[in-house]
Amino acid sequence: MKSTFNHDNWQQALIETNLLIIGFNAWNGYLKTGRGVVVCSTNSPLLDRLGETFKTHFVPRPRLAAFLNAWLATPDTVILQGHRMNGHILEAVDSYNPERDVILFLESGTRVSFFYLKNLPITPPESYQRVRQAWSEFQLPTNYQHRTKI
C-alpha cells in the first residue's frame, strides 16, 4: 500500500495545535508595532522533553515588502512590490481585523504558504491573555531566594 503525504492536512493540524501561540504572537506584535504577519518556520524544529517547537516571529507591516523580497528571494520565487501576490498579501495585512484574525506565513522546507485565519475560535487578545497568565503562574517571585541544603 502506497502512503501519500497530504501537505494541506499537515498544515491544518499544525495550525490547530499551535493556535494559542500563533494568536499570542499576532496580538503581541500588534500591540508593539501595529498590523503585520506571524511567520512560523518548521525548518529546524527544536525537540525537547515537551515535544517539538518551531521558530515563530512577527513582521510589522512597514517592513513586510522588504521582508518578503528578502525571505522569498530564491532564483524561482521573488515577490516584488508590483507583483500581484505581493499586493494581495499587503492588502490582506492592511484590512484584516487584528482582534479576530491572523495573517500567517508557514514555512516548510522551500515552500511558503499564506494563510488568512478569520474568525478564530480563540481571538488573538484571548490567546495573549491565556499565555501571559500561564507564564505568570510559573514565574518565581522577585524576592525568591533559592536555598540548597548541604
N, C-alpha and C. Protein backbone atom coordinates (compact mmCIF):
# COMPACT_ATOMS: atom_id res chain seq x y z
N MET A 1 0.84 -1.18 0.00
CA MET A 1 0.00 0.00 0.00
C MET A 1 0.89 1.25 0.00
N LYS A 2 0.61 2.13 -0.89
CA LYS A 2 1.40 3.36 -1.01
C LYS A 2 0.79 4.44 -0.12
N SER A 3 1.62 5.03 0.70
CA SER A 3 1.14 6.11 1.57
C SER A 3 1.44 7.45 0.91
N THR A 4 0.49 8.35 0.99
CA THR A 4 0.69 9.68 0.41
C THR A 4 0.64 10.71 1.52
N PHE A 5 1.46 11.71 1.38
CA PHE A 5 1.52 12.79 2.35
C PHE A 5 0.64 13.93 1.88
N ASN A 6 -0.35 14.28 2.68
CA ASN A 6 -1.24 15.38 2.33
C ASN A 6 -0.74 16.63 3.04
N HIS A 7 -0.05 17.48 2.30
CA HIS A 7 0.57 18.68 2.87
C HIS A 7 -0.46 19.60 3.51
N ASP A 8 -1.63 19.73 2.91
CA ASP A 8 -2.66 20.63 3.44
C ASP A 8 -3.17 20.16 4.79
N ASN A 9 -3.38 18.86 4.98
CA ASN A 9 -3.83 18.35 6.27
C ASN A 9 -2.78 18.56 7.35
N TRP A 10 -1.51 18.40 6.99
CA TRP A 10 -0.44 18.61 7.93
C TRP A 10 -0.40 20.07 8.39
N GLN A 11 -0.58 20.99 7.44
CA GLN A 11 -0.58 22.41 7.79
C GLN A 11 -1.76 22.74 8.71
N GLN A 12 -2.92 22.22 8.38
CA GLN A 12 -4.11 22.46 9.20
C GLN A 12 -3.90 21.95 10.62
N ALA A 13 -3.33 20.76 10.76
CA ALA A 13 -3.08 20.19 12.08
C ALA A 13 -2.08 21.04 12.86
N LEU A 14 -1.03 21.50 12.19
CA LEU A 14 -0.04 22.34 12.87
C LEU A 14 -0.69 23.64 13.36
N ILE A 15 -1.52 24.25 12.53
CA ILE A 15 -2.18 25.50 12.92
C ILE A 15 -3.11 25.24 14.10
N GLU A 16 -3.92 24.20 14.04
CA GLU A 16 -4.84 23.89 15.13
C GLU A 16 -4.10 23.63 16.43
N THR A 17 -3.02 22.88 16.37
CA THR A 17 -2.24 22.53 17.56
C THR A 17 -1.57 23.75 18.17
N ASN A 18 -1.19 24.71 17.35
CA ASN A 18 -0.43 25.87 17.81
C ASN A 18 -1.22 27.17 17.76
N LEU A 19 -2.53 27.09 17.70
CA LEU A 19 -3.35 28.28 17.54
C LEU A 19 -3.16 29.29 18.69
N LEU A 20 -3.00 28.79 19.90
CA LEU A 20 -2.82 29.69 21.04
C LEU A 20 -1.55 30.52 20.90
N ILE A 21 -0.44 29.90 20.52
CA ILE A 21 0.81 30.65 20.40
C ILE A 21 0.83 31.51 19.15
N ILE A 22 0.16 31.07 18.10
CA ILE A 22 0.04 31.90 16.89
C ILE A 22 -0.74 33.17 17.24
N GLY A 23 -1.86 33.01 17.93
CA GLY A 23 -2.66 34.16 18.36
C GLY A 23 -1.89 35.07 19.31
N PHE A 24 -1.13 34.47 20.23
CA PHE A 24 -0.31 35.26 21.15
C PHE A 24 0.68 36.13 20.38
N ASN A 25 1.40 35.51 19.44
CA ASN A 25 2.39 36.26 18.65
C ASN A 25 1.73 37.35 17.82
N ALA A 26 0.57 37.07 17.28
CA ALA A 26 -0.14 38.07 16.48
C ALA A 26 -0.51 39.28 17.33
N TRP A 27 -1.09 39.04 18.50
CA TRP A 27 -1.54 40.16 19.34
C TRP A 27 -0.36 40.89 19.97
N ASN A 28 0.65 40.16 20.42
CA ASN A 28 1.84 40.78 21.00
C ASN A 28 2.51 41.68 19.96
N GLY A 29 2.65 41.19 18.74
CA GLY A 29 3.24 42.00 17.68
C GLY A 29 2.40 43.21 17.35
N TYR A 30 1.09 43.02 17.30
CA TYR A 30 0.18 44.13 17.01
C TYR A 30 0.27 45.21 18.09
N LEU A 31 0.33 44.80 19.36
CA LEU A 31 0.43 45.77 20.45
C LEU A 31 1.72 46.58 20.36
N LYS A 32 2.79 45.95 19.92
CA LYS A 32 4.09 46.62 19.87
C LYS A 32 4.30 47.45 18.61
N THR A 33 3.81 46.96 17.45
CA THR A 33 4.16 47.62 16.20
C THR A 33 3.00 47.85 15.24
N GLY A 34 1.81 47.41 15.59
CA GLY A 34 0.66 47.54 14.68
C GLY A 34 0.50 46.30 13.82
N ARG A 35 -0.20 46.47 12.72
CA ARG A 35 -0.51 45.35 11.84
C ARG A 35 0.75 44.65 11.33
N GLY A 36 0.59 43.37 11.02
CA GLY A 36 1.71 42.61 10.49
C GLY A 36 1.33 41.15 10.31
N VAL A 37 2.33 40.31 10.13
CA VAL A 37 2.11 38.88 9.91
C VAL A 37 2.93 38.06 10.90
N VAL A 38 2.39 36.90 11.25
CA VAL A 38 3.11 35.93 12.05
C VAL A 38 3.79 34.98 11.08
N VAL A 39 5.06 34.72 11.30
CA VAL A 39 5.81 33.79 10.47
C VAL A 39 6.21 32.61 11.35
N CYS A 40 5.83 31.42 10.91
CA CYS A 40 6.18 30.19 11.62
C CYS A 40 7.00 29.34 10.67
N SER A 41 8.18 28.95 11.10
CA SER A 41 9.07 28.13 10.28
C SER A 41 9.18 26.74 10.88
N THR A 42 8.85 25.74 10.08
CA THR A 42 9.01 24.36 10.53
C THR A 42 10.39 23.82 10.16
N ASN A 43 11.22 24.67 9.55
CA ASN A 43 12.60 24.28 9.26
C ASN A 43 13.37 24.31 10.57
N SER A 44 14.14 23.32 10.83
CA SER A 44 14.96 23.23 12.05
C SER A 44 14.12 23.28 13.33
N PRO A 45 13.13 22.38 13.48
CA PRO A 45 12.38 22.38 14.73
C PRO A 45 13.27 21.96 15.89
N LEU A 46 12.95 22.43 17.07
CA LEU A 46 13.69 22.07 18.27
C LEU A 46 12.91 20.98 19.00
N LEU A 47 13.61 19.94 19.41
CA LEU A 47 12.99 18.85 20.14
C LEU A 47 13.46 18.89 21.58
N ASP A 48 12.52 18.82 22.52
CA ASP A 48 12.86 18.72 23.92
C ASP A 48 11.87 17.78 24.59
N ARG A 49 11.90 17.70 25.90
CA ARG A 49 11.03 16.77 26.62
C ARG A 49 9.55 17.11 26.48
N LEU A 50 9.25 18.34 26.09
CA LEU A 50 7.86 18.76 25.93
C LEU A 50 7.35 18.57 24.51
N GLY A 51 8.23 18.18 23.60
CA GLY A 51 7.81 17.97 22.22
C GLY A 51 8.60 18.84 21.26
N GLU A 52 7.97 19.12 20.14
CA GLU A 52 8.61 19.86 19.06
C GLU A 52 8.18 21.32 19.11
N THR A 53 9.13 22.23 18.97
CA THR A 53 8.81 23.65 18.92
C THR A 53 9.37 24.24 17.63
N PHE A 54 8.73 25.31 17.18
CA PHE A 54 9.09 25.94 15.93
C PHE A 54 9.41 27.41 16.15
N LYS A 55 10.24 27.93 15.27
CA LYS A 55 10.56 29.35 15.33
C LYS A 55 9.36 30.15 14.84
N THR A 56 8.97 31.13 15.61
CA THR A 56 7.84 31.99 15.26
C THR A 56 8.22 33.42 15.57
N HIS A 57 7.89 34.33 14.65
CA HIS A 57 8.13 35.75 14.90
C HIS A 57 7.09 36.58 14.16
N PHE A 58 7.09 37.86 14.44
CA PHE A 58 6.11 38.80 13.89
C PHE A 58 6.84 39.80 13.01
N VAL A 59 6.29 40.03 11.82
CA VAL A 59 6.87 41.03 10.92
C VAL A 59 5.86 42.17 10.77
N PRO A 60 6.20 43.38 11.23
CA PRO A 60 5.27 44.51 11.12
C PRO A 60 5.07 44.95 9.67
N ARG A 61 3.92 45.52 9.40
CA ARG A 61 3.54 45.94 8.05
C ARG A 61 4.58 46.83 7.36
N PRO A 62 5.16 47.84 8.04
CA PRO A 62 6.14 48.69 7.34
C PRO A 62 7.37 47.93 6.83
N ARG A 63 7.69 46.78 7.40
CA ARG A 63 8.85 46.01 6.97
C ARG A 63 8.47 44.83 6.07
N LEU A 64 7.19 44.66 5.81
CA LEU A 64 6.73 43.44 5.16
C LEU A 64 7.19 43.30 3.71
N ALA A 65 7.10 44.34 2.90
CA ALA A 65 7.51 44.23 1.49
C ALA A 65 8.99 43.85 1.39
N ALA A 66 9.84 44.51 2.17
CA ALA A 66 11.27 44.18 2.15
C ALA A 66 11.51 42.77 2.68
N PHE A 67 10.79 42.39 3.71
CA PHE A 67 10.91 41.05 4.26
C PHE A 67 10.54 40.00 3.22
N LEU A 68 9.43 40.21 2.53
CA LEU A 68 9.00 39.24 1.51
C LEU A 68 10.05 39.10 0.42
N ASN A 69 10.58 40.21 -0.03
CA ASN A 69 11.60 40.17 -1.08
C ASN A 69 12.86 39.43 -0.62
N ALA A 70 13.29 39.69 0.60
CA ALA A 70 14.50 39.04 1.10
C ALA A 70 14.24 37.56 1.43
N TRP A 71 13.12 37.29 2.08
CA TRP A 71 12.83 35.94 2.55
C TRP A 71 12.52 34.99 1.40
N LEU A 72 11.82 35.47 0.43
CA LEU A 72 11.41 34.61 -0.68
C LEU A 72 12.29 34.77 -1.91
N ALA A 73 13.44 35.40 -1.74
CA ALA A 73 14.33 35.66 -2.88
C ALA A 73 15.14 34.41 -3.23
N THR A 74 14.50 33.51 -3.94
CA THR A 74 15.18 32.36 -4.49
C THR A 74 15.18 32.56 -6.00
N PRO A 75 15.98 31.84 -6.74
CA PRO A 75 16.01 32.06 -8.19
C PRO A 75 14.63 31.98 -8.86
N ASP A 76 13.73 31.17 -8.32
CA ASP A 76 12.42 30.99 -8.95
C ASP A 76 11.31 31.81 -8.31
N THR A 77 11.52 32.30 -7.09
CA THR A 77 10.43 32.96 -6.37
C THR A 77 10.89 34.28 -5.77
N VAL A 78 10.48 35.35 -6.35
CA VAL A 78 10.73 36.68 -5.79
C VAL A 78 9.41 37.43 -5.85
N ILE A 79 8.96 37.91 -4.72
CA ILE A 79 7.73 38.70 -4.71
C ILE A 79 8.15 40.16 -4.74
N LEU A 80 7.84 40.83 -5.79
CA LEU A 80 8.20 42.24 -5.95
C LEU A 80 7.04 43.14 -5.56
N GLN A 81 7.32 44.40 -5.27
CA GLN A 81 6.29 45.35 -4.86
C GLN A 81 5.13 45.38 -5.84
N GLY A 82 5.38 45.33 -7.13
CA GLY A 82 4.31 45.41 -8.11
C GLY A 82 3.67 44.07 -8.44
N HIS A 83 4.18 43.00 -7.90
CA HIS A 83 3.67 41.67 -8.20
C HIS A 83 2.28 41.47 -7.59
N ARG A 84 1.42 40.77 -8.29
CA ARG A 84 0.05 40.56 -7.83
C ARG A 84 -0.03 39.89 -6.46
N MET A 85 0.77 38.85 -6.22
CA MET A 85 0.72 38.15 -4.94
C MET A 85 1.16 39.05 -3.81
N ASN A 86 2.21 39.81 -4.03
CA ASN A 86 2.67 40.75 -3.01
C ASN A 86 1.57 41.76 -2.69
N GLY A 87 0.92 42.29 -3.71
CA GLY A 87 -0.18 43.23 -3.50
C GLY A 87 -1.32 42.60 -2.72
N HIS A 88 -1.62 41.35 -3.01
CA HIS A 88 -2.69 40.64 -2.30
C HIS A 88 -2.35 40.48 -0.81
N ILE A 89 -1.10 40.11 -0.53
CA ILE A 89 -0.67 39.95 0.86
C ILE A 89 -0.71 41.28 1.60
N LEU A 90 -0.18 42.33 0.98
CA LEU A 90 -0.17 43.64 1.63
C LEU A 90 -1.58 44.15 1.86
N GLU A 91 -2.47 43.91 0.91
CA GLU A 91 -3.87 44.31 1.06
C GLU A 91 -4.53 43.55 2.22
N ALA A 92 -4.24 42.26 2.33
CA ALA A 92 -4.79 41.46 3.43
C ALA A 92 -4.31 42.00 4.78
N VAL A 93 -3.03 42.35 4.86
CA VAL A 93 -2.48 42.88 6.11
C VAL A 93 -3.10 44.24 6.43
N ASP A 94 -3.34 45.04 5.42
CA ASP A 94 -3.95 46.35 5.64
C ASP A 94 -5.41 46.26 6.08
N SER A 95 -6.08 45.16 5.76
CA SER A 95 -7.53 45.11 6.01
C SER A 95 -7.99 44.07 7.03
N TYR A 96 -7.10 43.22 7.53
CA TYR A 96 -7.57 42.20 8.48
C TYR A 96 -7.96 42.84 9.81
N ASN A 97 -8.78 42.13 10.58
CA ASN A 97 -9.20 42.60 11.90
C ASN A 97 -8.28 41.97 12.94
N PRO A 98 -7.33 42.71 13.50
CA PRO A 98 -6.36 42.13 14.43
C PRO A 98 -6.98 41.56 15.70
N GLU A 99 -8.20 41.99 16.02
CA GLU A 99 -8.86 41.47 17.22
C GLU A 99 -9.51 40.11 16.98
N ARG A 100 -9.66 39.70 15.72
CA ARG A 100 -10.34 38.43 15.41
C ARG A 100 -9.53 37.54 14.47
N ASP A 101 -8.63 38.11 13.68
CA ASP A 101 -7.99 37.38 12.60
C ASP A 101 -6.46 37.41 12.74
N VAL A 102 -5.81 36.51 12.00
CA VAL A 102 -4.34 36.44 11.96
C VAL A 102 -3.91 36.20 10.52
N ILE A 103 -2.88 36.91 10.10
CA ILE A 103 -2.22 36.63 8.83
C ILE A 103 -0.99 35.80 9.17
N LEU A 104 -0.87 34.63 8.57
CA LEU A 104 0.18 33.68 8.91
C LEU A 104 0.92 33.22 7.67
N PHE A 105 2.26 33.20 7.76
CA PHE A 105 3.10 32.55 6.77
C PHE A 105 3.66 31.30 7.42
N LEU A 106 3.52 30.18 6.75
CA LEU A 106 4.04 28.93 7.26
C LEU A 106 5.12 28.44 6.30
N GLU A 107 6.35 28.41 6.80
CA GLU A 107 7.49 27.97 6.00
C GLU A 107 7.78 26.51 6.31
N SER A 108 7.84 25.71 5.26
CA SER A 108 8.16 24.30 5.40
C SER A 108 9.08 23.91 4.25
N GLY A 109 10.34 23.70 4.56
CA GLY A 109 11.33 23.43 3.51
C GLY A 109 11.46 24.64 2.61
N THR A 110 11.31 24.44 1.32
CA THR A 110 11.40 25.56 0.38
C THR A 110 10.03 26.13 0.05
N ARG A 111 9.02 25.62 0.69
CA ARG A 111 7.64 26.02 0.42
C ARG A 111 7.14 27.00 1.48
N VAL A 112 6.47 28.04 1.04
CA VAL A 112 5.89 29.02 1.95
C VAL A 112 4.40 29.13 1.64
N SER A 113 3.58 28.98 2.68
CA SER A 113 2.14 29.07 2.49
C SER A 113 1.60 30.29 3.22
N PHE A 114 0.62 30.93 2.61
CA PHE A 114 0.00 32.13 3.14
C PHE A 114 -1.39 31.75 3.65
N PHE A 115 -1.69 32.10 4.91
CA PHE A 115 -2.99 31.80 5.50
C PHE A 115 -3.60 33.08 6.04
N TYR A 116 -4.85 33.28 5.73
CA TYR A 116 -5.64 34.36 6.32
C TYR A 116 -6.63 33.66 7.25
N LEU A 117 -6.31 33.63 8.54
CA LEU A 117 -7.12 32.93 9.53
C LEU A 117 -8.17 33.89 10.06
N LYS A 118 -9.44 33.65 9.70
CA LYS A 118 -10.52 34.56 10.06
C LYS A 118 -11.41 33.97 11.15
N ASN A 119 -11.96 34.85 11.96
CA ASN A 119 -12.94 34.48 12.99
C ASN A 119 -12.49 33.25 13.78
N LEU A 120 -11.35 33.36 14.39
CA LEU A 120 -10.76 32.26 15.14
C LEU A 120 -11.60 31.89 16.36
N PRO A 121 -11.57 30.64 16.78
CA PRO A 121 -12.34 30.23 17.95
C PRO A 121 -11.82 30.85 19.25
N ILE A 122 -10.55 31.19 19.26
CA ILE A 122 -9.96 31.94 20.36
C ILE A 122 -9.26 33.13 19.71
N THR A 123 -9.65 34.32 20.12
CA THR A 123 -9.14 35.53 19.47
C THR A 123 -7.69 35.78 19.86
N PRO A 124 -6.97 36.56 19.06
CA PRO A 124 -5.60 36.91 19.44
C PRO A 124 -5.49 37.56 20.83
N PRO A 125 -6.39 38.51 21.20
CA PRO A 125 -6.27 39.06 22.56
C PRO A 125 -6.49 37.99 23.64
N GLU A 126 -7.41 37.05 23.41
CA GLU A 126 -7.63 35.96 24.39
C GLU A 126 -6.42 35.05 24.46
N SER A 127 -5.83 34.75 23.33
CA SER A 127 -4.61 33.93 23.31
C SER A 127 -3.51 34.60 24.11
N TYR A 128 -3.35 35.89 23.87
CA TYR A 128 -2.33 36.67 24.57
C TYR A 128 -2.55 36.60 26.08
N GLN A 129 -3.78 36.80 26.52
CA GLN A 129 -4.09 36.77 27.96
C GLN A 129 -3.82 35.39 28.56
N ARG A 130 -4.22 34.34 27.86
CA ARG A 130 -4.03 32.98 28.38
C ARG A 130 -2.55 32.63 28.49
N VAL A 131 -1.76 32.99 27.49
CA VAL A 131 -0.33 32.69 27.54
C VAL A 131 0.33 33.50 28.65
N ARG A 132 0.00 34.77 28.76
CA ARG A 132 0.57 35.61 29.83
C ARG A 132 0.20 35.07 31.21
N GLN A 133 -1.03 34.63 31.36
CA GLN A 133 -1.48 34.07 32.64
C GLN A 133 -0.71 32.79 32.96
N ALA A 134 -0.52 31.93 31.97
CA ALA A 134 0.23 30.70 32.20
C ALA A 134 1.67 31.01 32.59
N TRP A 135 2.29 32.00 31.92
CA TRP A 135 3.66 32.38 32.28
C TRP A 135 3.73 32.87 33.72
N SER A 136 2.77 33.70 34.12
CA SER A 136 2.82 34.26 35.47
C SER A 136 2.65 33.18 36.54
N GLU A 137 1.94 32.11 36.22
CA GLU A 137 1.77 31.03 37.18
C GLU A 137 3.07 30.29 37.46
N PHE A 138 4.01 30.33 36.50
CA PHE A 138 5.26 29.60 36.65
C PHE A 138 6.45 30.49 36.96
N GLN A 139 6.24 31.78 37.14
CA GLN A 139 7.32 32.70 37.45
C GLN A 139 7.59 32.69 38.96
N LEU A 140 8.85 32.75 39.31
CA LEU A 140 9.22 32.85 40.72
C LEU A 140 9.04 34.30 41.16
N PRO A 141 8.62 34.51 42.40
CA PRO A 141 8.52 35.88 42.90
C PRO A 141 9.89 36.56 42.84
N THR A 142 9.88 37.89 42.68
CA THR A 142 11.14 38.62 42.55
C THR A 142 11.97 38.54 43.83
N ASN A 143 11.34 38.31 44.98
CA ASN A 143 12.08 38.23 46.23
C ASN A 143 12.44 36.78 46.60
N TYR A 144 12.24 35.84 45.68
CA TYR A 144 12.52 34.43 45.92
C TYR A 144 14.02 34.19 45.99
N GLN A 145 14.45 33.45 46.99
CA GLN A 145 15.85 33.09 47.12
C GLN A 145 15.95 31.57 47.15
N HIS A 146 16.72 31.04 46.24
CA HIS A 146 16.90 29.59 46.17
C HIS A 146 17.88 29.15 47.24
N ARG A 147 17.50 28.18 48.03
CA ARG A 147 18.38 27.67 49.07
C ARG A 147 18.65 26.21 48.79
N THR A 148 19.89 25.85 48.87
CA THR A 148 20.30 24.47 48.65
C THR A 148 20.75 23.88 49.97
N LYS A 149 20.23 22.70 50.29
CA LYS A 149 20.68 22.00 51.52
C LYS A 149 22.02 21.36 51.26
N ILE A 150 22.86 21.43 52.26
CA ILE A 150 24.18 20.81 52.14
C ILE A 150 24.22 19.55 52.97
